[in-house]
Protein backbone atom coordinates (compact mmCIF):
# COMPACT_ATOMS: atom_id res chain seq x y z
CA MET A 1 -56.55 136.78 -174.09
CA ILE A 2 -53.97 134.19 -174.76
CA ASP A 3 -53.07 132.00 -171.95
CA ILE A 4 -49.65 131.30 -172.43
CA ILE A 5 -46.47 133.33 -174.27
CA LEU A 6 -43.40 131.46 -175.06
CA LEU A 7 -40.44 134.13 -174.55
CA THR A 8 -37.60 133.58 -177.12
CA ASP A 9 -35.08 136.47 -178.66
CA ALA A 10 -35.39 138.13 -181.69
CA ARG A 11 -33.08 135.60 -183.46
CA TYR A 12 -35.26 132.49 -182.98
CA VAL A 13 -38.75 134.13 -183.68
CA ASN A 14 -39.04 132.96 -187.34
CA PRO A 15 -35.97 132.37 -188.65
CA PRO A 16 -35.08 131.82 -192.27
CA ASN A 17 -33.33 128.94 -193.26
CA PRO A 18 -32.40 127.86 -189.72
CA ASP A 19 -29.24 126.03 -189.07
CA TRP A 20 -29.21 123.07 -186.85
CA TYR A 21 -28.98 125.13 -183.87
CA LYS A 22 -31.97 127.32 -184.48
CA GLN A 23 -34.00 124.30 -185.51
CA ASN A 24 -33.36 122.63 -182.12
CA ILE A 25 -34.92 125.82 -180.47
CA LEU A 26 -38.00 125.39 -182.96
CA ASP A 27 -38.18 121.80 -182.26
CA ASP A 28 -38.14 122.02 -178.52
CA ASP A 29 -40.52 125.11 -178.71
CA LYS A 30 -42.82 122.93 -180.69
CA LEU A 31 -43.40 119.77 -178.46
CA VAL A 32 -43.85 122.26 -175.62
CA ARG A 33 -46.57 124.16 -177.39
CA GLU A 34 -48.26 121.03 -178.52
CA ALA A 35 -48.27 119.45 -175.09
CA LEU A 36 -49.62 123.05 -173.70
CA GLU A 37 -52.38 123.00 -176.17
CA ARG A 38 -53.57 119.55 -175.67
CA ARG A 39 -54.14 120.90 -172.49
CA GLY A 40 -56.81 123.15 -174.09
CA LEU A 41 -54.51 126.20 -173.65
CA THR A 42 -53.90 128.93 -176.30
CA VAL A 43 -50.18 129.63 -176.70
CA THR A 44 -48.24 131.92 -179.05
CA ARG A 45 -44.64 132.75 -179.24
CA THR A 46 -42.69 136.06 -179.35
CA ASN A 47 -39.38 137.96 -178.44
CA TRP A 48 -39.29 139.45 -175.18
CA ASP A 49 -38.40 142.69 -176.30
CA ASN A 50 -41.04 142.86 -179.03
CA PRO A 51 -41.97 146.42 -179.01
CA THR A 52 -45.89 145.59 -180.36
CA TYR A 53 -46.80 143.21 -178.27
CA ASP A 54 -49.36 144.30 -175.77
CA TRP A 55 -48.36 142.09 -172.83
CA THR A 56 -51.71 142.79 -170.93
CA GLN A 57 -53.25 140.62 -173.67
CA THR A 58 -51.54 137.48 -172.12
CA ARG A 59 -52.41 135.49 -168.92
CA PHE A 60 -48.89 134.01 -168.21
CA ALA A 61 -45.41 134.30 -169.73
CA VAL A 62 -43.07 131.40 -169.98
CA PHE A 63 -39.17 132.24 -170.34
CA ARG A 64 -37.87 129.69 -173.04
CA THR A 65 -34.67 131.06 -174.91
CA THR A 66 -34.32 134.68 -174.17
CA TRP A 67 -30.68 133.91 -174.61
CA ASP A 68 -29.64 137.53 -175.53
CA TYR A 69 -30.60 138.75 -172.09
CA PHE A 70 -26.78 138.76 -170.23
CA GLU A 71 -25.56 141.17 -173.42
CA ARG A 72 -28.62 143.36 -172.70
CA PHE A 73 -28.77 143.47 -168.90
CA GLU A 74 -29.68 146.51 -167.83
CA GLU A 75 -32.70 146.50 -170.97
CA PHE A 76 -33.98 142.91 -170.15
CA SER A 77 -34.09 144.25 -166.10
CA GLN A 78 -36.06 147.43 -166.87
CA TRP A 79 -38.34 144.89 -169.07
CA LEU A 80 -38.68 142.68 -166.40
CA ASP A 81 -39.84 145.20 -164.23
CA ARG A 82 -42.15 146.72 -166.76
CA VAL A 83 -43.90 143.30 -167.91
CA GLY A 84 -44.09 141.92 -164.33
CA THR A 85 -46.92 144.10 -163.59
CA GLN A 86 -48.73 143.55 -166.94
CA THR A 87 -48.77 139.91 -167.01
CA GLN A 88 -47.36 136.91 -164.52
CA LEU A 89 -43.95 135.48 -165.31
CA ILE A 90 -43.09 131.87 -165.19
CA ASN A 91 -40.79 130.82 -163.47
CA PRO A 92 -41.89 133.94 -161.19
CA LEU A 93 -40.03 137.07 -160.75
CA PRO A 94 -38.34 137.21 -157.85
CA LEU A 95 -36.93 133.82 -158.61
CA VAL A 96 -36.08 135.10 -162.25
CA ARG A 97 -34.26 137.87 -160.13
CA TRP A 98 -32.61 135.83 -157.59
CA ASN A 99 -31.31 133.37 -160.87
CA ILE A 100 -29.91 135.99 -162.78
CA ASP A 101 -26.80 136.76 -160.88
CA LYS A 102 -24.44 133.75 -159.92
CA HIS A 103 -24.52 134.95 -156.33
CA TYR A 104 -27.01 132.56 -155.78
CA LEU A 105 -24.27 129.74 -155.66
CA ARG A 106 -23.46 131.51 -152.31
CA ASP A 107 -26.72 131.08 -151.06
CA LEU A 108 -27.13 127.24 -152.16
CA GLU A 109 -23.67 126.67 -150.64
CA GLN A 110 -24.79 128.47 -147.47
CA TYR A 111 -28.20 125.97 -147.64
CA GLY A 112 -25.32 123.08 -147.79
CA ILE A 113 -25.38 122.30 -151.73
CA ARG A 114 -21.59 121.30 -152.65
CA ILE A 115 -20.26 124.08 -155.20
CA PRO A 116 -16.72 124.31 -156.64
CA PRO A 117 -14.35 126.44 -154.62
CA THR A 118 -15.73 129.98 -155.08
CA VAL A 119 -14.68 133.56 -154.68
CA PHE A 120 -17.23 136.40 -155.22
CA ILE A 121 -15.08 139.70 -156.63
CA GLU A 122 -17.65 142.67 -156.27
CA LYS A 123 -17.58 145.41 -158.67
CA GLY A 124 -15.43 148.19 -158.23
CA ASP A 125 -12.83 145.56 -156.36
CA LYS A 126 -9.36 147.26 -156.54
CA ARG A 127 -7.40 144.06 -156.02
CA SER A 128 -5.26 142.72 -158.80
CA LEU A 129 -6.32 139.47 -160.12
CA THR A 130 -3.02 138.27 -159.42
CA GLU A 131 -3.59 139.20 -155.70
CA ILE A 132 -6.76 137.22 -155.67
CA VAL A 133 -5.26 134.34 -157.08
CA ARG A 134 -2.28 134.47 -154.65
CA GLN A 135 -4.54 134.82 -151.57
CA THR A 136 -6.68 131.49 -152.46
CA GLY A 137 -3.61 129.54 -153.25
CA TRP A 138 -5.10 127.02 -156.01
CA PRO A 139 -3.11 125.75 -158.93
CA GLU A 140 -5.93 126.60 -161.72
CA TYR A 141 -8.97 128.54 -162.32
CA VAL A 142 -11.96 130.09 -164.12
CA LEU A 143 -12.62 133.17 -164.13
CA LYS A 144 -16.43 134.86 -165.02
CA PRO A 145 -18.76 136.91 -164.96
CA THR A 146 -21.51 136.59 -162.34
CA VAL A 147 -24.29 137.93 -164.65
CA SER A 148 -23.31 135.52 -167.76
CA GLY A 149 -24.61 132.69 -170.15
CA THR A 150 -23.14 130.57 -173.15
CA ALA A 151 -19.62 131.35 -171.65
CA ARG A 152 -19.41 134.88 -172.23
CA HIS A 153 -15.87 135.75 -170.80
CA THR A 154 -15.27 132.52 -169.25
CA TYR A 155 -11.26 132.16 -169.26
CA ARG A 156 -9.24 129.21 -167.52
CA PHE A 157 -5.72 129.81 -166.38
CA VAL A 158 -2.93 128.42 -164.17
CA ALA A 159 -1.79 130.57 -161.17
CA GLU A 160 1.27 131.33 -162.94
CA ASN A 161 -0.55 133.10 -165.89
CA ALA A 162 -2.81 134.98 -163.88
CA SER A 163 -1.09 138.60 -165.26
CA ALA A 164 -2.29 137.42 -168.56
CA HIS A 165 -5.89 138.00 -167.90
CA GLU A 166 -4.94 141.08 -165.76
CA SER A 167 -6.30 143.78 -168.15
CA ILE A 168 -9.47 141.84 -169.30
CA PHE A 169 -10.64 141.55 -165.64
CA GLN A 170 -9.85 144.96 -164.66
CA GLN A 171 -11.92 146.13 -167.69
CA LEU A 172 -14.73 143.64 -166.66
CA ILE A 173 -14.39 144.45 -162.75
CA ALA A 174 -15.44 148.16 -163.07
CA SER A 175 -18.46 147.66 -164.47
CA GLU A 176 -19.69 144.13 -162.97
CA SER A 177 -19.07 141.22 -160.44
CA MET A 178 -16.90 138.50 -161.00
CA LEU A 179 -15.78 135.35 -159.76
CA VAL A 180 -13.03 132.93 -159.74
CA GLN A 181 -13.47 129.18 -159.10
CA GLU A 182 -11.05 126.33 -158.41
CA PHE A 183 -10.68 124.54 -161.87
CA GLN A 184 -12.04 121.18 -161.69
CA HIS A 185 -10.23 118.57 -163.45
CA PRO A 186 -12.89 115.70 -163.72
CA VAL A 187 -15.07 117.85 -166.07
CA LEU A 188 -12.36 117.56 -168.82
CA ALA A 189 -12.81 113.53 -168.41
CA LYS A 190 -16.18 113.08 -167.26
CA GLY A 191 -18.02 116.46 -168.58
CA GLU A 192 -21.02 118.20 -167.05
CA VAL A 193 -24.67 116.26 -166.40
CA ALA A 194 -27.57 118.52 -166.88
CA PHE A 195 -30.85 117.21 -164.79
CA MET A 196 -33.87 118.51 -165.94
CA LEU A 197 -36.90 118.80 -163.28
CA PHE A 198 -40.26 119.91 -163.23
CA GLY A 199 -42.41 120.79 -160.44
CA GLY A 200 -39.30 120.07 -158.30
CA LYS A 201 -39.08 116.42 -159.63
CA PHE A 202 -36.60 114.74 -161.71
CA SER A 203 -37.89 113.91 -165.64
CA HIS A 204 -34.57 113.20 -167.24
CA ALA A 205 -30.47 114.17 -167.81
CA VAL A 206 -28.08 114.78 -170.40
CA LEU A 207 -24.18 114.57 -170.17
CA LYS A 208 -22.49 117.65 -172.11
CA LYS A 209 -18.92 116.99 -172.72
CA ALA A 210 -16.38 119.65 -174.29
CA LYS A 211 -14.42 118.80 -177.74
CA PRO A 212 -11.24 117.80 -176.96
CA GLY A 213 -8.55 120.34 -175.64
CA ASP A 214 -11.34 122.61 -174.50
CA PHE A 215 -13.01 122.73 -171.08
CA ARG A 216 -16.76 124.66 -172.50
CA VAL A 217 -19.57 121.72 -172.80
CA GLN A 218 -21.60 124.04 -174.49
CA ASP A 219 -22.47 123.37 -178.12
CA ASP A 220 -21.41 126.59 -179.13
CA PHE A 221 -17.88 125.67 -178.69
CA GLY A 222 -18.14 122.33 -180.32
CA GLY A 223 -19.21 120.57 -177.07
CA THR A 224 -21.38 117.41 -177.67
CA VAL A 225 -24.60 116.07 -175.98
CA HIS A 226 -25.26 112.45 -174.63
CA GLU A 227 -27.47 110.48 -172.80
CA TYR A 228 -27.27 109.98 -169.41
CA ASN A 229 -29.02 107.71 -166.46
CA PRO A 230 -28.13 109.17 -163.53
CA SER A 231 -27.80 107.14 -159.88
CA VAL A 232 -30.53 107.57 -157.55
CA SER A 233 -28.34 109.50 -155.47
CA GLU A 234 -27.81 111.95 -158.05
CA ILE A 235 -31.12 112.89 -158.53
CA GLU A 236 -31.61 113.38 -155.18
CA PHE A 237 -28.83 115.67 -154.93
CA ALA A 238 -30.36 117.51 -158.00
CA GLU A 239 -33.78 117.54 -156.38
CA SER A 240 -32.00 119.09 -152.96
CA VAL A 241 -30.89 121.96 -154.98
CA VAL A 242 -34.71 122.65 -156.34
CA ALA A 243 -35.99 122.14 -153.06
CA TYR A 244 -33.94 125.40 -151.69
CA CYS A 245 -36.73 127.23 -153.95
CA GLN A 246 -40.02 127.72 -152.01
CA PRO A 247 -42.37 127.23 -153.76
CA ALA A 248 -40.32 124.90 -156.15
CA PRO A 249 -39.82 126.31 -159.71
CA ALA A 250 -42.29 124.90 -162.12
CA TYR A 251 -39.20 124.28 -164.43
CA ALA A 252 -35.17 123.99 -163.63
CA ARG A 253 -32.15 122.77 -164.80
CA VAL A 254 -29.40 121.87 -162.33
CA ASP A 255 -25.81 121.28 -164.33
CA CYS A 256 -23.58 119.20 -161.95
CA ILE A 257 -19.62 118.62 -162.26
CA TRP A 258 -17.36 116.35 -160.13
CA ASN A 259 -15.29 118.11 -158.31
CA ASN A 260 -11.67 117.46 -157.68
CA GLN A 261 -12.44 114.87 -155.07
CA HIS A 262 -14.94 113.27 -157.06
CA GLU A 263 -18.18 114.78 -155.59
CA LEU A 264 -20.88 115.97 -157.39
CA CYS A 265 -21.30 119.41 -157.22
CA VAL A 266 -23.34 122.50 -158.85
CA SER A 267 -22.05 124.34 -161.66
CA GLU A 268 -25.23 126.22 -162.72
CA PHE A 269 -28.59 126.28 -161.44
CA GLU A 270 -30.72 127.77 -164.50
CA LEU A 271 -34.31 128.90 -163.53
CA ILE A 272 -34.81 131.74 -166.30
CA GLU A 273 -34.08 129.99 -169.61
CA PRO A 274 -32.46 126.88 -169.63
CA GLU A 275 -31.99 124.72 -172.67
CA LEU A 276 -34.16 121.73 -171.37
CA TRP A 277 -33.56 119.15 -174.56
CA PHE A 278 -37.18 117.99 -175.01
CA ARG A 279 -35.97 116.63 -178.30
CA LYS A 280 -33.83 113.78 -176.64
CA HIS A 281 -36.69 113.17 -174.23
CA PRO A 282 -40.11 114.38 -175.84
CA PRO A 283 -42.14 112.78 -172.53
CA ALA A 284 -40.40 115.93 -170.48
CA ALA A 285 -42.82 118.29 -173.12
CA GLU A 286 -45.86 116.41 -171.36
CA LEU A 287 -44.24 116.67 -167.60
CA PHE A 288 -43.38 120.36 -168.39
CA ALA A 289 -47.01 121.28 -169.59
CA ASP A 290 -48.34 119.64 -166.19
CA ALA A 291 -45.88 121.61 -164.23
CA ILE A 292 -47.12 125.00 -166.03
CA TRP A 293 -50.83 123.67 -165.52
CA ASP A 294 -50.55 123.26 -161.96
CA ARG A 295 -49.27 127.13 -161.87
CA ILE A 296 -52.09 128.34 -163.66
């Protein structure tokens, strides 16, 4: 019986001659594994869709880098149903299910957490993108699916150019829900802050900045990562987001940008498989391990 299995996807299990991207994944998981093992836990690592793995032989499965789930959502969803009866998931299945879909932003807003102005468009909606844009009256937009990652089908456009995205919008809305948000211009100059929290408490933060000419901060698109020392009020804001979840998740990442009024707001709330940048702040691996220990 294994105590902990770290979940990844098949590309990152044992990659030959890993590039910088895959090496970052391996380095972070090594820090996590060693921190858990120092607590006397047995730890292994495999892809979530491993067909030969016996999940009943693992006490707890911890989501780490399952970064293909949003491209295989139905398969991943069925796997969650099955594996959730065979081992205990961290973070737990109800939180995972809730956090998969960006409708969670609406829940946070109703709780009193600031998010960018957002319109949720449900699957099968017959309106045109141009009509939706006209109803909001915003000058500039971001369009994205409610189930997504790594900026999949994420588009920025001005109101006058909505028709250029009409075809892809109609293709997507036929099979999945979408959202449009008012574009928040401070992200271009100030970037996006990722707050890492374990057991509901702040650990560390990084600042992600897009490359010149882009708005996507992910390193997949040339974004860069920098040190960031948040203020007390910023930390309190991030912790208030995690406080929405009861009980608090073992680990979480709260991504925040400044809105057009220069107020901090939540752009993403990651409870499934967030990158946590342990390599930027190695002591955080110990806090992560403590949070896992508290759960088990």
